[in-house]
Amino acid sequence: MNILVTNDDGIHADGLRALKSALDEIGRVYVVAPDRPRSACGHSITLHKPLRADPVKLPDGSTGYASNGTPSDCVSLALLGLVEEGVDLIVAGINCGPNLGWDLTYSGTVSAAMEGAIMDVPSFSISVAAYEPNVDYSVAAAFAARLAVILQQHRLPPSTLLNVNVPALPQSQIKGVRITRQGKRRYTGALEKRTDPSGRAYYWLGGDLPVDQLEEGTDVKAIADHYISVTPIHLDLTDHAAMAEMLAWGIQEIDVASL
C-alpha cells in the first residue's frame, strides 16, 4: 500500500514524524507537506504563484518533499505527478490540537483529507486534542496505522473522508473508540485594535477557548468523555431539509425579467 502523509503543522512537526513511523510498518510512505506551519488555512489552494516541492531529509533518513503551498496543494502535487507510483491512502496529521465540530471549516489538516476525497483517494485526518507542548503522539499514531489497515479492507463511500480526534491522554485512560457525528463548537472571538509607530491602526484576531455543545453522539462529546472520535465527513454540504422547505418560499417564482 502506498500512503501519502501530509499535515498543516509543517514537514518538521513531531506529529508527522510519529505518524510516518507508525505507517512505515504497514506500507510505503511518501511525505509531501508544507515547508512551514499552515494551521487554520482551510481548503485554500495556490493559483497565482509557482509551487515548489523541495527534497528534504527526514529524521529517519528518508526523503520527503517540503512545499511552499498549502496542505491541499501538497495533496494535489503528490497525486498529479510527484508520487509516480500512485497513492492508495492519504493520511493528514497528526495535528497538534483538536479538529472538532465547526473547526473543520478552518482546518488545513482536514482540508488535505478533503482534497484526497475530491480526487477519489481514501483519506482521513487525525488530531490529538492537546494544546500544551510536548504532546505524546504514540496512541494516535498507532490508531492511525490500525485504521489504515481497516481502510484497505473496507472502501469508504464516495465523496467521504474520516476525521479522527484522539484524547491527549495516556493509553490507559482512553476508554475506547466512538463513531460520531460532527458536533457544534464555536469561538466567541475578539478583535484587538492597536496602533503602529506610524500611527496606522492594525488588528489582532483572537478569542477565548471554544464553547462546545456536548450532545450525545458528537465528536466533541466523545473527546470530553475520553473516547477516540471517528467522524465520517461528506463533501456534499447541501442542507437537504432546508432545500425542501425553501421550495415553498416562492424564490423560484421571482420574475428575473423584472429585476
Protein backbone atom coordinates (compact mmCIF):
# COMPACT_ATOMS: atom_id res chain seq x y z
CA MET A 1 0.00 0.00 0.00
CA ASN A 2 1.31 3.43 -0.97
CA ILE A 3 0.43 6.02 1.68
CA LEU A 4 0.73 9.78 1.33
CA VAL A 5 1.30 11.69 4.57
CA THR A 6 0.82 15.43 4.85
CA ASN A 7 -0.21 17.94 7.52
CA ASP A 8 -0.69 21.63 8.27
CA ASP A 9 1.92 21.89 11.05
CA GLY A 10 4.84 21.67 8.63
CA ILE A 11 7.16 18.94 7.45
CA HIS A 12 9.32 19.09 10.59
CA ALA A 13 6.41 18.62 13.02
CA ASP A 14 6.67 15.89 15.65
CA GLY A 15 3.18 14.64 14.82
CA LEU A 16 4.09 13.97 11.22
CA ARG A 17 7.23 12.13 12.25
CA ALA A 18 5.28 9.89 14.65
CA LEU A 19 2.63 9.20 12.00
CA LYS A 20 5.16 8.26 9.34
CA SER A 21 6.97 5.93 11.72
CA ALA A 22 3.76 4.03 12.52
CA LEU A 23 2.61 3.84 8.90
CA ASP A 24 6.04 2.63 7.74
CA GLU A 25 5.11 -0.69 9.37
CA ILE A 26 2.19 -1.30 7.00
CA GLY A 27 3.10 0.32 3.69
CA ARG A 28 5.34 2.56 1.66
CA VAL A 29 5.03 6.10 2.97
CA TYR A 30 5.53 9.26 0.93
CA VAL A 31 5.71 12.64 2.66
CA VAL A 32 4.67 15.86 0.95
CA ALA A 33 4.00 18.60 3.48
CA PRO A 34 4.16 22.38 3.85
CA ASP A 35 7.60 23.84 4.47
CA ARG A 36 6.22 25.79 7.47
CA PRO A 37 3.15 25.74 9.71
CA ARG A 38 -0.06 26.42 7.80
CA SER A 39 -2.60 25.91 10.57
CA ALA A 40 -6.14 27.25 10.03
CA CYS A 41 -5.53 27.82 6.32
CA GLY A 42 -8.69 25.90 5.46
CA HIS A 43 -9.14 24.45 2.00
CA SER A 44 -7.10 27.12 0.26
CA ILE A 45 -5.14 26.35 -2.90
CA THR A 46 -2.38 28.26 -4.68
CA LEU A 47 -3.19 29.56 -8.14
CA HIS A 48 -1.18 32.76 -8.62
CA LYS A 49 2.38 31.76 -7.88
CA PRO A 50 4.60 28.76 -8.66
CA LEU A 51 4.53 25.78 -6.32
CA ARG A 52 7.76 24.19 -5.19
CA ALA A 53 8.44 20.78 -3.75
CA ASP A 54 11.99 20.59 -2.46
CA PRO A 55 13.53 17.31 -1.27
CA VAL A 56 14.12 17.25 2.49
CA LYS A 57 15.94 14.62 4.51
CA LEU A 58 13.66 13.42 7.30
CA PRO A 59 14.89 12.33 10.75
CA ASP A 60 14.63 8.63 9.80
CA GLY A 61 16.92 9.17 6.81
CA SER A 62 14.19 9.00 4.18
CA THR A 63 13.35 11.81 1.78
CA GLY A 64 10.19 13.88 1.87
CA TYR A 65 9.10 16.93 -0.07
CA ALA A 66 8.59 20.36 1.50
CA SER A 67 6.26 22.64 -0.42
CA ASN A 68 5.60 26.37 -0.25
CA GLY A 69 1.94 25.53 -0.80
CA THR A 70 -0.98 24.68 1.45
CA PRO A 71 -1.89 21.19 2.70
CA SER A 72 -4.41 20.89 -0.15
CA ASP A 73 -1.68 21.88 -2.60
CA CYS A 74 0.54 19.15 -1.18
CA VAL A 75 -2.10 16.54 -1.93
CA SER A 76 -2.53 17.82 -5.47
CA LEU A 77 1.22 17.86 -6.05
CA ALA A 78 1.52 14.27 -4.90
CA LEU A 79 -1.45 12.89 -6.81
CA LEU A 80 -0.82 14.79 -10.02
CA GLY A 81 2.69 13.50 -10.53
CA LEU A 82 5.08 13.94 -7.63
CA VAL A 83 4.36 10.40 -6.41
CA GLU A 84 4.72 8.48 -9.66
CA GLU A 85 3.79 5.12 -8.13
CA GLY A 86 0.27 6.25 -7.25
CA VAL A 87 -1.34 6.68 -3.84
CA ASP A 88 -3.73 4.22 -2.18
CA LEU A 89 -4.39 6.17 1.01
CA ILE A 90 -3.91 9.72 2.29
CA VAL A 91 -3.40 10.45 5.98
CA ALA A 92 -3.23 14.06 7.19
CA GLY A 93 -1.73 14.73 10.61
CA ILE A 94 -1.04 14.12 13.32
CA ASN A 95 -2.30 17.59 14.15
CA CYS A 96 -1.35 19.25 17.42
CA GLY A 97 -4.74 20.41 18.67
CA PRO A 98 -8.25 19.06 18.09
CA ASN A 99 -10.26 19.44 14.90
CA LEU A 100 -13.77 19.12 16.26
CA GLY A 101 -17.20 20.35 15.28
CA TRP A 102 -17.10 23.51 13.21
CA ASP A 103 -13.29 23.59 13.40
CA LEU A 104 -13.40 21.57 10.18
CA THR A 105 -14.08 24.70 8.15
CA TYR A 106 -10.77 26.21 9.28
CA SER A 107 -8.51 23.18 9.44
CA GLY A 108 -5.75 22.69 6.90
CA THR A 109 -5.32 19.14 8.18
CA VAL A 110 -8.93 18.17 7.48
CA SER A 111 -8.86 20.07 4.18
CA ALA A 112 -5.95 17.93 2.99
CA ALA A 113 -8.09 14.84 3.54
CA MET A 114 -10.97 16.59 1.77
CA GLU A 115 -8.74 17.19 -1.23
CA GLY A 116 -7.95 13.49 -1.26
CA ALA A 117 -11.66 12.63 -1.19
CA ILE A 118 -12.29 15.05 -4.06
CA MET A 119 -9.64 13.20 -6.05
CA ASP A 120 -11.25 9.85 -5.13
CA VAL A 121 -8.48 8.58 -2.86
CA PRO A 122 -9.42 7.13 0.57
CA SER A 123 -8.38 9.74 3.11
CA PHE A 124 -8.52 10.58 6.78
CA SER A 125 -7.26 13.33 9.06
CA ILE A 126 -6.10 12.70 12.60
CA SER A 127 -5.50 15.09 15.50
CA VAL A 128 -4.58 14.94 19.17
CA ALA A 129 -6.84 17.10 21.35
CA ALA A 130 -3.94 18.83 23.08
CA TYR A 131 -2.90 22.45 23.37
CA GLU A 132 0.18 22.15 25.55
CA PRO A 133 3.69 21.41 24.20
CA ASN A 134 5.41 18.01 24.41
CA VAL A 135 2.42 16.11 23.06
CA ASP A 136 2.54 12.31 23.16
CA TYR A 137 1.55 11.16 19.66
CA SER A 138 2.11 7.45 20.22
CA VAL A 139 -1.53 6.41 20.74
CA ALA A 140 -2.76 8.47 17.79
CA ALA A 141 -0.01 7.10 15.54
CA ALA A 142 -0.78 3.50 16.47
CA PHE A 143 -4.50 4.10 15.93
CA ALA A 144 -3.82 5.64 12.52
CA ALA A 145 -1.95 2.50 11.47
CA ARG A 146 -4.82 0.24 12.62
CA LEU A 147 -7.36 2.40 10.82
CA ALA A 148 -5.26 2.39 7.65
CA VAL A 149 -5.38 -1.41 7.59
CA ILE A 150 -9.17 -1.36 8.01
CA LEU A 151 -9.49 1.07 5.11
CA GLN A 152 -7.53 -1.38 2.97
CA GLN A 153 -10.30 -3.87 3.55
CA HIS A 154 -13.34 -1.57 3.52
CA ARG A 155 -13.71 1.12 0.87
CA LEU A 156 -15.08 4.42 2.09
CA PRO A 157 -18.29 5.59 0.40
CA PRO A 158 -17.83 8.03 -2.48
CA SER A 159 -17.01 11.64 -1.51
CA THR A 160 -16.45 10.65 2.12
CA LEU A 161 -13.43 11.14 4.37
CA LEU A 162 -12.84 10.41 8.04
CA ASN A 163 -11.94 12.95 10.70
CA VAL A 164 -10.26 11.36 13.74
CA ASN A 165 -9.60 13.01 17.09
CA VAL A 166 -7.66 11.34 19.90
CA PRO A 167 -7.77 12.48 23.54
CA ALA A 168 -4.48 13.87 24.89
CA LEU A 169 -4.33 11.14 27.49
CA PRO A 170 -2.20 8.08 28.27
CA GLN A 171 -3.40 4.94 26.54
CA SER A 172 -4.69 3.53 29.85
CA GLN A 173 -7.07 6.48 30.28
CA ILE A 174 -8.66 6.35 26.82
CA LYS A 175 -11.95 4.47 27.14
CA GLY A 176 -12.36 3.29 23.56
CA VAL A 177 -13.48 4.42 20.12
CA ARG A 178 -16.74 6.04 19.02
CA ILE A 179 -18.18 6.59 15.54
CA THR A 180 -19.55 10.11 15.84
CA ARG A 181 -21.25 12.92 14.01
CA GLN A 182 -19.88 16.44 13.73
CA GLY A 183 -20.68 18.44 16.84
CA LYS A 184 -21.03 22.15 17.50
CA ARG A 185 -18.04 24.19 18.57
CA ARG A 186 -17.69 27.92 18.26
CA TYR A 187 -15.21 30.57 19.29
CA THR A 188 -16.59 33.78 20.75
CA GLY A 189 -13.83 35.76 19.07
CA ALA A 190 -12.28 39.11 19.91
CA LEU A 191 -10.79 41.96 17.93
CA GLU A 192 -7.93 43.92 19.46
CA LYS A 193 -7.06 47.23 17.83
CA ARG A 194 -3.53 48.59 18.09
CA THR A 195 -1.55 51.39 16.52
CA ASP A 196 1.81 51.01 14.82
CA PRO A 197 4.67 53.57 15.17
CA SER A 198 3.47 55.44 12.10
CA GLY A 199 0.02 55.93 13.59
CA ARG A 200 -1.81 53.39 11.43
CA ALA A 201 -4.28 51.01 13.02
CA TYR A 202 -3.79 47.25 12.90
CA TYR A 203 -5.74 44.41 14.42
CA TRP A 204 -5.20 41.07 16.17
CA LEU A 205 -7.92 38.45 15.87
CA GLY A 206 -8.25 36.22 18.89
CA GLY A 207 -10.72 34.83 21.36
CA ASP A 208 -11.41 32.65 24.32
CA LEU A 209 -11.33 28.88 24.44
CA PRO A 210 -14.01 27.23 22.28
CA VAL A 211 -17.50 26.63 23.56
CA ASP A 212 -18.71 23.08 22.91
CA GLN A 213 -22.25 21.78 22.91
CA LEU A 214 -21.80 18.36 24.48
CA GLU A 215 -24.54 16.48 22.66
CA GLU A 216 -24.52 12.68 22.77
CA GLY A 217 -23.10 11.08 19.65
CA THR A 218 -20.92 14.02 18.65
CA ASP A 219 -17.18 14.29 18.26
CA VAL A 220 -16.87 16.98 20.94
CA LYS A 221 -18.76 14.81 23.46
CA ALA A 222 -16.64 11.75 22.66
CA ILE A 223 -13.41 13.66 23.32
CA ALA A 224 -14.85 15.14 26.52
CA ASP A 225 -15.68 11.61 27.65
CA HIS A 226 -12.14 10.36 26.82
CA TYR A 227 -13.02 8.38 23.68
CA ILE A 228 -11.33 8.44 20.29
CA SER A 229 -13.74 10.06 17.85
CA VAL A 230 -14.06 8.88 14.23
CA THR A 231 -16.41 11.05 12.19
CA PRO A 232 -17.35 10.34 8.56
CA ILE A 233 -17.49 13.64 6.66
CA HIS A 234 -19.25 14.01 3.30
CA LEU A 235 -18.24 16.58 0.72
CA ASP A 236 -21.88 17.42 -0.02
CA LEU A 237 -22.59 20.40 2.23
CA THR A 238 -26.15 20.83 1.00
CA ASP A 239 -28.80 21.22 3.69
CA HIS A 240 -31.36 18.94 2.06
CA ALA A 241 -34.03 19.61 4.69
CA ALA A 242 -33.72 23.36 4.15
CA MET A 243 -33.83 22.85 0.40
CA ALA A 244 -37.17 21.05 0.66
CA GLU A 245 -38.58 23.81 2.91
CA MET A 246 -37.40 26.58 0.60
CA LEU A 247 -39.42 25.20 -2.31
CA ALA A 248 -42.49 26.79 -0.66
CA TRP A 249 -40.91 30.25 -0.24
CA GLY A 250 -41.59 31.46 -3.77
CA ILE A 251 -37.94 32.01 -4.67
CA GLN A 252 -38.37 30.11 -7.93
CA GLU A 253 -41.31 32.33 -8.90
CA ILE A 254 -39.22 35.53 -8.95
CA ASP A 255 -39.53 37.09 -12.40
CA VAL A 256 -35.93 37.54 -13.48
CA ALA A 257 -37.02 39.73 -16.41
CA SER A 258 -38.34 42.30 -13.90
CA LEU A 259 -35.11 42.67 -11.96
